[in-house]
Amino acid sequence: MKKLLVALSIIGALALAAQAGEGKKEKKLTDEQKAVYKELLAKYDANKDGKLDKEERAKMSAEDKEKAEKAGLGRKKQEKKN
C-alpha cells in the first residue's frame, strides 16, 4: 500500500512539473528588436552586465523609450485588480 501511495505521489509530482513547464514561453526577438536592444544596451548599460536594470531604464530618454516600445521591447504592465 505504501509503495502504491509513493508511486502515485511521484506520478502526480511529475504531472504538475510537466504542466508548469508547458506554461513557460521563450520570447524570441526579431532582427529589428535585437538591433534596437543592442543600441540601447550600448547607450544605457552602465554596469555592462548585458541587461538594462530598473535604474538604467529610468535614465533612458523619452525618444529611446518610445523607440523600444515601438519595437515591442517594452514591458507589459499588469492590470490592477479592483
N, C-alpha and C. Protein backbone atom coordinates (compact mmCIF):
# COMPACT_ATOMS: atom_id res chain seq x y z
N MET A 1 0.83 -1.19 0.00
CA MET A 1 0.00 0.00 0.00
C MET A 1 0.87 1.26 0.00
N LYS A 2 1.94 1.22 0.83
CA LYS A 2 2.82 2.38 0.89
C LYS A 2 3.50 2.62 -0.45
N LYS A 3 3.88 1.52 -1.13
CA LYS A 3 4.53 1.65 -2.44
C LYS A 3 3.58 2.29 -3.45
N LEU A 4 2.32 1.94 -3.38
CA LEU A 4 1.32 2.50 -4.30
C LEU A 4 1.16 4.00 -4.05
N LEU A 5 1.10 4.40 -2.78
CA LEU A 5 0.97 5.82 -2.45
C LEU A 5 2.21 6.61 -2.90
N VAL A 6 3.38 6.04 -2.71
CA VAL A 6 4.62 6.70 -3.13
C VAL A 6 4.62 6.83 -4.65
N ALA A 7 4.24 5.79 -5.34
CA ALA A 7 4.21 5.82 -6.81
C ALA A 7 3.22 6.86 -7.31
N LEU A 8 2.05 6.91 -6.71
CA LEU A 8 1.04 7.90 -7.11
C LEU A 8 1.50 9.32 -6.82
N SER A 9 2.20 9.50 -5.71
CA SER A 9 2.73 10.82 -5.37
C SER A 9 3.77 11.26 -6.39
N ILE A 10 4.63 10.34 -6.78
CA ILE A 10 5.66 10.67 -7.77
C ILE A 10 5.02 11.00 -9.11
N ILE A 11 4.06 10.22 -9.52
CA ILE A 11 3.36 10.48 -10.79
C ILE A 11 2.67 11.83 -10.75
N GLY A 12 2.04 12.15 -9.65
CA GLY A 12 1.37 13.45 -9.51
C GLY A 12 2.36 14.60 -9.58
N ALA A 13 3.49 14.45 -8.91
CA ALA A 13 4.51 15.50 -8.94
C ALA A 13 5.06 15.69 -10.34
N LEU A 14 5.29 14.62 -11.05
CA LEU A 14 5.77 14.71 -12.43
C LEU A 14 4.75 15.38 -13.34
N ALA A 15 3.49 15.07 -13.15
CA ALA A 15 2.44 15.68 -13.96
C ALA A 15 2.37 17.18 -13.71
N LEU A 16 2.49 17.60 -12.46
CA LEU A 16 2.48 19.02 -12.13
C LEU A 16 3.69 19.73 -12.71
N ALA A 17 4.83 19.09 -12.66
CA ALA A 17 6.06 19.69 -13.21
C ALA A 17 5.94 19.83 -14.73
N ALA A 18 5.34 18.86 -15.38
CA ALA A 18 5.16 18.93 -16.83
C ALA A 18 4.23 20.06 -17.21
N GLN A 19 3.17 20.25 -16.47
CA GLN A 19 2.22 21.34 -16.74
C GLN A 19 2.88 22.68 -16.52
N ALA A 20 3.67 22.81 -15.49
CA ALA A 20 4.34 24.08 -15.20
C ALA A 20 5.32 24.42 -16.32
N GLY A 21 6.01 23.43 -16.84
CA GLY A 21 6.96 23.66 -17.92
C GLY A 21 6.29 24.08 -19.21
N GLU A 22 5.08 23.60 -19.46
CA GLU A 22 4.36 23.95 -20.68
C GLU A 22 3.93 25.41 -20.68
N GLY A 23 3.71 25.98 -19.52
CA GLY A 23 3.23 27.36 -19.43
C GLY A 23 4.30 28.38 -19.76
N LYS A 24 5.56 28.02 -19.69
CA LYS A 24 6.64 28.96 -19.97
C LYS A 24 6.86 29.05 -21.47
N LYS A 25 6.87 30.28 -21.97
CA LYS A 25 7.13 30.50 -23.38
C LYS A 25 8.38 31.35 -23.50
N GLU A 26 9.29 30.90 -24.32
CA GLU A 26 10.52 31.64 -24.54
C GLU A 26 10.25 32.74 -25.55
N LYS A 27 10.65 33.95 -25.20
CA LYS A 27 10.41 35.08 -26.06
C LYS A 27 11.51 35.16 -27.11
N LYS A 28 11.13 35.13 -28.38
CA LYS A 28 12.07 35.23 -29.48
C LYS A 28 12.02 36.65 -30.01
N LEU A 29 13.17 37.28 -30.14
CA LEU A 29 13.25 38.64 -30.64
C LEU A 29 13.43 38.64 -32.15
N THR A 30 12.81 39.61 -32.81
CA THR A 30 13.00 39.78 -34.24
C THR A 30 14.35 40.46 -34.46
N ASP A 31 14.79 40.52 -35.71
CA ASP A 31 16.06 41.18 -36.03
C ASP A 31 16.00 42.66 -35.66
N GLU A 32 14.84 43.29 -35.91
CA GLU A 32 14.67 44.72 -35.56
C GLU A 32 14.78 44.91 -34.05
N GLN A 33 14.12 44.04 -33.29
CA GLN A 33 14.17 44.14 -31.83
C GLN A 33 15.59 43.94 -31.31
N LYS A 34 16.31 42.98 -31.89
CA LYS A 34 17.69 42.75 -31.49
C LYS A 34 18.55 43.98 -31.74
N ALA A 35 18.35 44.62 -32.90
CA ALA A 35 19.15 45.81 -33.25
C ALA A 35 18.86 46.96 -32.30
N VAL A 36 17.57 47.19 -31.99
CA VAL A 36 17.19 48.27 -31.09
C VAL A 36 17.73 47.98 -29.69
N TYR A 37 17.60 46.74 -29.22
CA TYR A 37 18.08 46.38 -27.89
C TYR A 37 19.59 46.54 -27.79
N LYS A 38 20.30 46.13 -28.84
CA LYS A 38 21.76 46.27 -28.85
C LYS A 38 22.16 47.74 -28.77
N GLU A 39 21.45 48.59 -29.50
CA GLU A 39 21.71 50.03 -29.47
C GLU A 39 21.47 50.61 -28.08
N LEU A 40 20.36 50.21 -27.46
CA LEU A 40 20.03 50.72 -26.13
C LEU A 40 21.01 50.20 -25.07
N LEU A 41 21.46 48.97 -25.22
CA LEU A 41 22.45 48.43 -24.30
C LEU A 41 23.75 49.23 -24.38
N ALA A 42 24.19 49.51 -25.61
CA ALA A 42 25.43 50.25 -25.79
C ALA A 42 25.33 51.64 -25.17
N LYS A 43 24.13 52.20 -25.20
CA LYS A 43 23.93 53.56 -24.72
C LYS A 43 23.69 53.64 -23.21
N TYR A 44 22.96 52.68 -22.64
CA TYR A 44 22.48 52.82 -21.26
C TYR A 44 22.98 51.76 -20.27
N ASP A 45 23.62 50.69 -20.73
CA ASP A 45 24.06 49.62 -19.82
C ASP A 45 25.33 50.06 -19.08
N ALA A 46 25.14 50.82 -18.01
CA ALA A 46 26.25 51.42 -17.27
C ALA A 46 27.16 50.39 -16.62
N ASN A 47 26.59 49.32 -16.09
CA ASN A 47 27.41 48.31 -15.40
C ASN A 47 27.87 47.19 -16.34
N LYS A 48 27.52 47.28 -17.60
CA LYS A 48 27.97 46.35 -18.65
C LYS A 48 27.67 44.88 -18.33
N ASP A 49 26.47 44.64 -17.78
CA ASP A 49 26.08 43.26 -17.47
C ASP A 49 25.23 42.63 -18.58
N GLY A 50 24.98 43.38 -19.65
CA GLY A 50 24.20 42.83 -20.76
C GLY A 50 22.70 42.94 -20.58
N LYS A 51 22.26 43.65 -19.55
CA LYS A 51 20.84 43.84 -19.28
C LYS A 51 20.61 45.29 -18.87
N LEU A 52 19.39 45.74 -19.07
CA LEU A 52 19.02 47.08 -18.59
C LEU A 52 18.20 46.91 -17.32
N ASP A 53 18.80 47.29 -16.19
CA ASP A 53 18.08 47.17 -14.93
C ASP A 53 17.17 48.39 -14.74
N LYS A 54 16.46 48.40 -13.64
CA LYS A 54 15.46 49.43 -13.37
C LYS A 54 16.07 50.84 -13.42
N GLU A 55 17.23 51.02 -12.80
CA GLU A 55 17.87 52.34 -12.77
C GLU A 55 18.32 52.77 -14.17
N GLU A 56 18.85 51.83 -14.94
CA GLU A 56 19.30 52.14 -16.29
C GLU A 56 18.12 52.49 -17.20
N ARG A 57 17.02 51.77 -17.06
CA ARG A 57 15.82 52.08 -17.86
C ARG A 57 15.26 53.44 -17.48
N ALA A 58 15.38 53.81 -16.21
CA ALA A 58 14.87 55.11 -15.75
C ALA A 58 15.64 56.27 -16.38
N LYS A 59 16.89 56.04 -16.75
CA LYS A 59 17.72 57.09 -17.34
C LYS A 59 17.55 57.21 -18.85
N MET A 60 16.74 56.35 -19.44
CA MET A 60 16.53 56.40 -20.89
C MET A 60 15.77 57.66 -21.28
N SER A 61 16.12 58.21 -22.43
CA SER A 61 15.41 59.38 -22.93
C SER A 61 14.01 58.98 -23.40
N ALA A 62 13.14 59.95 -23.50
CA ALA A 62 11.77 59.68 -23.94
C ALA A 62 11.76 59.09 -25.35
N GLU A 63 12.66 59.59 -26.21
CA GLU A 63 12.74 59.09 -27.58
C GLU A 63 13.15 57.62 -27.62
N ASP A 64 14.13 57.26 -26.77
CA ASP A 64 14.59 55.88 -26.74
C ASP A 64 13.54 54.96 -26.13
N LYS A 65 12.81 55.44 -25.13
CA LYS A 65 11.73 54.63 -24.56
C LYS A 65 10.66 54.37 -25.61
N GLU A 66 10.35 55.41 -26.40
CA GLU A 66 9.35 55.27 -27.45
C GLU A 66 9.85 54.30 -28.53
N LYS A 67 11.13 54.40 -28.88
CA LYS A 67 11.72 53.51 -29.89
C LYS A 67 11.63 52.06 -29.42
N ALA A 68 11.94 51.82 -28.16
CA ALA A 68 11.87 50.47 -27.61
C ALA A 68 10.44 49.96 -27.60
N GLU A 69 9.51 50.81 -27.25
CA GLU A 69 8.09 50.41 -27.21
C GLU A 69 7.58 50.08 -28.61
N LYS A 70 7.96 50.91 -29.59
CA LYS A 70 7.53 50.66 -30.97
C LYS A 70 8.10 49.35 -31.50
N ALA A 71 9.31 49.01 -31.05
CA ALA A 71 9.94 47.76 -31.48
C ALA A 71 9.35 46.56 -30.73
N GLY A 72 8.52 46.81 -29.73
CA GLY A 72 7.91 45.71 -28.97
C GLY A 72 8.78 45.24 -27.82
N LEU A 73 9.65 46.10 -27.34
CA LEU A 73 10.55 45.72 -26.24
C LEU A 73 10.06 46.18 -24.88
N GLY A 74 9.01 46.95 -24.82
CA GLY A 74 8.52 47.45 -23.55
C GLY A 74 7.92 46.34 -22.71
N ARG A 75 8.02 46.51 -21.41
CA ARG A 75 7.41 45.53 -20.50
C ARG A 75 5.93 45.83 -20.39
N LYS A 76 5.14 44.77 -20.39
CA LYS A 76 3.71 44.95 -20.23
C LYS A 76 3.39 45.19 -18.78
N LYS A 77 2.61 46.21 -18.52
CA LYS A 77 2.21 46.50 -17.14
C LYS A 77 1.03 45.62 -16.79
N GLN A 78 1.07 45.08 -15.59
CA GLN A 78 -0.02 44.22 -15.13
C GLN A 78 -1.21 45.10 -14.79
N GLU A 79 -2.39 44.60 -15.15
CA GLU A 79 -3.60 45.34 -14.83
C GLU A 79 -3.87 45.26 -13.34
N LYS A 80 -4.32 46.38 -12.80
CA LYS A 80 -4.64 46.41 -11.37
C LYS A 80 -5.97 45.73 -11.15
N LYS A 81 -6.01 44.94 -10.08
CA LYS A 81 -7.27 44.26 -9.74
C LYS A 81 -8.08 45.18 -8.86
N ASN A 82 -9.36 45.27 -9.16
CA ASN A 82 -10.25 46.13 -8.35
C ASN A 82 -10.82 45.38 -7.19
